[in-house]
Amino acid sequence: MQDMGESCPFAFNFDERSFKAGDIVSYRVEGLADFPFVGTLIEVHDDHVVISADPKDAASRMRATRESRPLVAAGDAL
């Protein structure tokens, strides 16, 4: 879409050192190559994060690695 003169509607945080709850991140799901997903960080821990595709839905929370583009296990993806 950016080639069509439109800008991305999301402002991603790709710096895992500065992650905080509420940040929007691009995350990956195991087995889906590098297909990008968008989520909101709900929790940030030293060794992992909790991401939600819909922060208002407690059932949509997924544990992920803490790296620039967090990785969600395929079994945990919604």
N, C-alpha and C. Protein backbone atom coordinates (compact mmCIF):
# COMPACT_ATOMS: atom_id res chain seq x y z
N MET A 1 0.81 -1.19 0.00
CA MET A 1 0.00 0.00 0.00
C MET A 1 0.86 1.26 0.00
N GLN A 2 2.05 1.19 0.55
CA GLN A 2 2.87 2.38 0.56
C GLN A 2 3.25 2.80 -0.84
N ASP A 3 3.34 1.86 -1.78
CA ASP A 3 3.66 2.22 -3.16
C ASP A 3 2.53 3.00 -3.81
N MET A 4 1.34 2.94 -3.22
CA MET A 4 0.19 3.63 -3.78
C MET A 4 -0.01 5.00 -3.13
N GLY A 5 1.01 5.48 -2.43
CA GLY A 5 0.93 6.80 -1.83
C GLY A 5 0.30 6.81 -0.45
N GLU A 6 0.00 5.63 0.10
CA GLU A 6 -0.59 5.55 1.44
C GLU A 6 0.48 5.12 2.42
N SER A 7 0.39 5.62 3.63
CA SER A 7 1.36 5.23 4.65
C SER A 7 0.75 4.14 5.53
N CYS A 8 1.61 3.43 6.21
CA CYS A 8 1.18 2.35 7.10
C CYS A 8 0.39 2.96 8.26
N PRO A 9 -0.75 2.38 8.61
CA PRO A 9 -1.57 2.95 9.68
C PRO A 9 -1.05 2.60 11.08
N PHE A 10 0.02 1.81 11.17
CA PHE A 10 0.54 1.38 12.47
C PHE A 10 1.92 1.97 12.72
N ALA A 11 2.22 2.26 13.96
CA ALA A 11 3.56 2.68 14.36
C ALA A 11 4.12 1.57 15.24
N PHE A 12 5.00 0.75 14.66
CA PHE A 12 5.52 -0.43 15.36
C PHE A 12 6.72 -0.10 16.22
N ASN A 13 6.86 -0.82 17.32
CA ASN A 13 8.08 -0.77 18.13
C ASN A 13 8.85 -2.04 17.80
N PHE A 14 10.04 -1.90 17.22
CA PHE A 14 10.88 -3.04 16.89
C PHE A 14 12.06 -3.16 17.85
N ASP A 15 12.10 -2.36 18.90
CA ASP A 15 13.21 -2.38 19.86
C ASP A 15 12.77 -3.13 21.11
N GLU A 16 13.13 -4.42 21.18
CA GLU A 16 12.70 -5.25 22.31
C GLU A 16 13.19 -4.75 23.66
N ARG A 17 14.24 -3.95 23.67
CA ARG A 17 14.75 -3.41 24.94
C ARG A 17 13.82 -2.35 25.50
N SER A 18 13.04 -1.70 24.63
CA SER A 18 12.16 -0.63 25.10
C SER A 18 10.68 -1.03 25.12
N PHE A 19 10.39 -2.32 24.90
CA PHE A 19 8.99 -2.77 24.91
C PHE A 19 8.29 -2.37 26.20
N LYS A 20 7.03 -1.96 26.07
CA LYS A 20 6.20 -1.67 27.23
C LYS A 20 4.76 -2.02 26.87
N ALA A 21 3.96 -2.30 27.88
CA ALA A 21 2.55 -2.63 27.65
C ALA A 21 1.90 -1.50 26.85
N GLY A 22 1.12 -1.88 25.85
CA GLY A 22 0.44 -0.91 25.00
C GLY A 22 1.13 -0.67 23.67
N ASP A 23 2.39 -1.08 23.55
CA ASP A 23 3.10 -0.93 22.28
C ASP A 23 2.48 -1.83 21.21
N ILE A 24 2.49 -1.36 19.98
CA ILE A 24 2.04 -2.17 18.84
C ILE A 24 3.28 -2.79 18.22
N VAL A 25 3.21 -4.12 18.00
CA VAL A 25 4.34 -4.84 17.45
C VAL A 25 3.91 -5.66 16.24
N SER A 26 4.88 -5.96 15.41
CA SER A 26 4.70 -6.91 14.32
C SER A 26 5.25 -8.22 14.86
N TYR A 27 4.43 -9.26 14.84
CA TYR A 27 4.90 -10.55 15.35
C TYR A 27 4.75 -11.63 14.29
N ARG A 28 5.44 -12.74 14.53
CA ARG A 28 5.42 -13.88 13.62
C ARG A 28 4.80 -15.08 14.32
N VAL A 29 4.35 -16.06 13.53
CA VAL A 29 3.81 -17.30 14.07
C VAL A 29 4.64 -18.44 13.48
N GLU A 30 5.08 -19.36 14.33
CA GLU A 30 5.85 -20.51 13.87
C GLU A 30 5.15 -21.20 12.71
N GLY A 31 5.90 -21.55 11.68
CA GLY A 31 5.36 -22.29 10.56
C GLY A 31 4.72 -21.45 9.47
N LEU A 32 4.61 -20.17 9.69
CA LEU A 32 4.00 -19.30 8.68
C LEU A 32 5.03 -18.37 8.05
N ALA A 33 6.26 -18.87 7.94
CA ALA A 33 7.37 -18.10 7.37
C ALA A 33 7.49 -16.77 8.10
N ASP A 34 7.59 -15.70 7.37
CA ASP A 34 7.70 -14.38 8.00
C ASP A 34 6.44 -13.56 7.79
N PHE A 35 5.31 -14.22 7.58
CA PHE A 35 4.05 -13.51 7.40
C PHE A 35 3.82 -12.61 8.60
N PRO A 36 3.60 -11.31 8.41
CA PRO A 36 3.46 -10.39 9.53
C PRO A 36 2.05 -10.35 10.13
N PHE A 37 2.00 -10.31 11.43
CA PHE A 37 0.76 -10.11 12.17
C PHE A 37 0.95 -8.87 13.03
N VAL A 38 -0.13 -8.22 13.41
CA VAL A 38 -0.07 -7.02 14.25
C VAL A 38 -0.74 -7.33 15.58
N GLY A 39 -0.08 -6.95 16.65
CA GLY A 39 -0.65 -7.15 17.98
C GLY A 39 -0.22 -6.07 18.93
N THR A 40 -0.85 -6.07 20.09
CA THR A 40 -0.54 -5.11 21.15
C THR A 40 0.08 -5.85 22.31
N LEU A 41 1.16 -5.30 22.85
CA LEU A 41 1.79 -5.92 24.01
C LEU A 41 0.91 -5.69 25.24
N ILE A 42 0.58 -6.77 25.91
CA ILE A 42 -0.22 -6.71 27.13
C ILE A 42 0.67 -6.79 28.36
N GLU A 43 1.68 -7.67 28.29
CA GLU A 43 2.65 -7.84 29.38
C GLU A 43 4.04 -7.92 28.78
N VAL A 44 5.03 -7.40 29.52
CA VAL A 44 6.42 -7.47 29.10
C VAL A 44 7.23 -8.04 30.26
N HIS A 45 7.91 -9.15 30.00
CA HIS A 45 8.74 -9.82 31.00
C HIS A 45 10.18 -9.88 30.49
N ASP A 46 11.11 -10.27 31.35
CA ASP A 46 12.51 -10.32 30.95
C ASP A 46 12.76 -11.27 29.77
N ASP A 47 12.04 -12.41 29.74
CA ASP A 47 12.32 -13.42 28.73
C ASP A 47 11.18 -13.68 27.75
N HIS A 48 10.05 -13.02 27.91
CA HIS A 48 8.92 -13.20 26.99
C HIS A 48 7.97 -12.00 27.09
N VAL A 49 7.03 -11.97 26.15
CA VAL A 49 5.98 -10.95 26.16
C VAL A 49 4.63 -11.65 25.98
N VAL A 50 3.57 -10.96 26.30
CA VAL A 50 2.22 -11.44 26.04
C VAL A 50 1.59 -10.45 25.07
N ILE A 51 1.14 -10.99 23.94
CA ILE A 51 0.59 -10.19 22.84
C ILE A 51 -0.90 -10.48 22.71
N SER A 52 -1.64 -9.49 22.29
CA SER A 52 -3.05 -9.70 22.01
C SER A 52 -3.39 -9.11 20.65
N ALA A 53 -4.14 -9.86 19.87
CA ALA A 53 -4.64 -9.33 18.60
C ALA A 53 -5.79 -8.36 18.86
N ASP A 54 -6.47 -8.54 20.01
CA ASP A 54 -7.56 -7.67 20.42
C ASP A 54 -7.42 -7.43 21.92
N PRO A 55 -6.81 -6.33 22.35
CA PRO A 55 -6.55 -6.08 23.76
C PRO A 55 -7.80 -6.13 24.65
N LYS A 56 -8.98 -5.95 24.07
CA LYS A 56 -10.21 -5.99 24.86
C LYS A 56 -10.70 -7.41 25.10
N ASP A 57 -10.11 -8.39 24.41
CA ASP A 57 -10.52 -9.79 24.52
C ASP A 57 -9.44 -10.58 25.26
N ALA A 58 -9.69 -10.93 26.52
CA ALA A 58 -8.72 -11.65 27.33
C ALA A 58 -8.36 -13.01 26.73
N ALA A 59 -9.24 -13.59 25.95
CA ALA A 59 -8.99 -14.90 25.35
C ALA A 59 -8.01 -14.83 24.17
N SER A 60 -7.71 -13.63 23.70
CA SER A 60 -6.83 -13.52 22.52
C SER A 60 -5.37 -13.31 22.90
N ARG A 61 -4.99 -13.62 24.11
CA ARG A 61 -3.61 -13.39 24.56
C ARG A 61 -2.71 -14.56 24.20
N MET A 62 -1.50 -14.23 23.73
CA MET A 62 -0.54 -15.24 23.30
C MET A 62 0.84 -14.92 23.87
N ARG A 63 1.50 -15.94 24.38
CA ARG A 63 2.88 -15.78 24.86
C ARG A 63 3.81 -15.81 23.65
N ALA A 64 4.82 -14.95 23.67
CA ALA A 64 5.77 -14.87 22.55
C ALA A 64 7.17 -14.59 23.06
N THR A 65 8.14 -14.80 22.20
CA THR A 65 9.52 -14.50 22.55
C THR A 65 9.69 -12.98 22.64
N ARG A 66 10.71 -12.58 23.36
CA ARG A 66 10.99 -11.14 23.45
C ARG A 66 12.14 -10.82 22.50
N GLU A 67 11.79 -10.43 21.29
CA GLU A 67 12.76 -10.04 20.27
C GLU A 67 12.09 -9.01 19.37
N SER A 68 12.85 -8.43 18.45
CA SER A 68 12.32 -7.30 17.67
C SER A 68 11.00 -7.63 16.98
N ARG A 69 10.84 -8.84 16.47
CA ARG A 69 9.55 -9.32 15.94
C ARG A 69 9.23 -10.59 16.70
N PRO A 70 8.49 -10.50 17.80
CA PRO A 70 8.22 -11.66 18.64
C PRO A 70 7.68 -12.85 17.86
N LEU A 71 8.02 -14.06 18.34
CA LEU A 71 7.60 -15.30 17.70
C LEU A 71 6.62 -16.01 18.62
N VAL A 72 5.44 -16.33 18.09
CA VAL A 72 4.39 -17.04 18.82
C VAL A 72 4.42 -18.50 18.35
N ALA A 73 4.34 -19.44 19.29
CA ALA A 73 4.27 -20.85 18.93
C ALA A 73 2.96 -21.09 18.17
N ALA A 74 3.02 -21.96 17.16
CA ALA A 74 1.84 -22.22 16.32
C ALA A 74 0.64 -22.66 17.16
N GLY A 75 0.87 -23.45 18.18
CA GLY A 75 -0.23 -23.93 19.03
C GLY A 75 -0.85 -22.85 19.89
N ASP A 76 -0.15 -21.75 20.08
CA ASP A 76 -0.67 -20.64 20.90
C ASP A 76 -1.35 -19.57 20.06
N ALA A 77 -1.12 -19.62 18.74
CA ALA A 77 -1.71 -18.60 17.85
C ALA A 77 -3.21 -18.80 17.73
N LEU A 78 -3.91 -17.72 17.58
CA LEU A 78 -5.38 -17.79 17.48
C LEU A 78 -5.84 -18.10 16.09
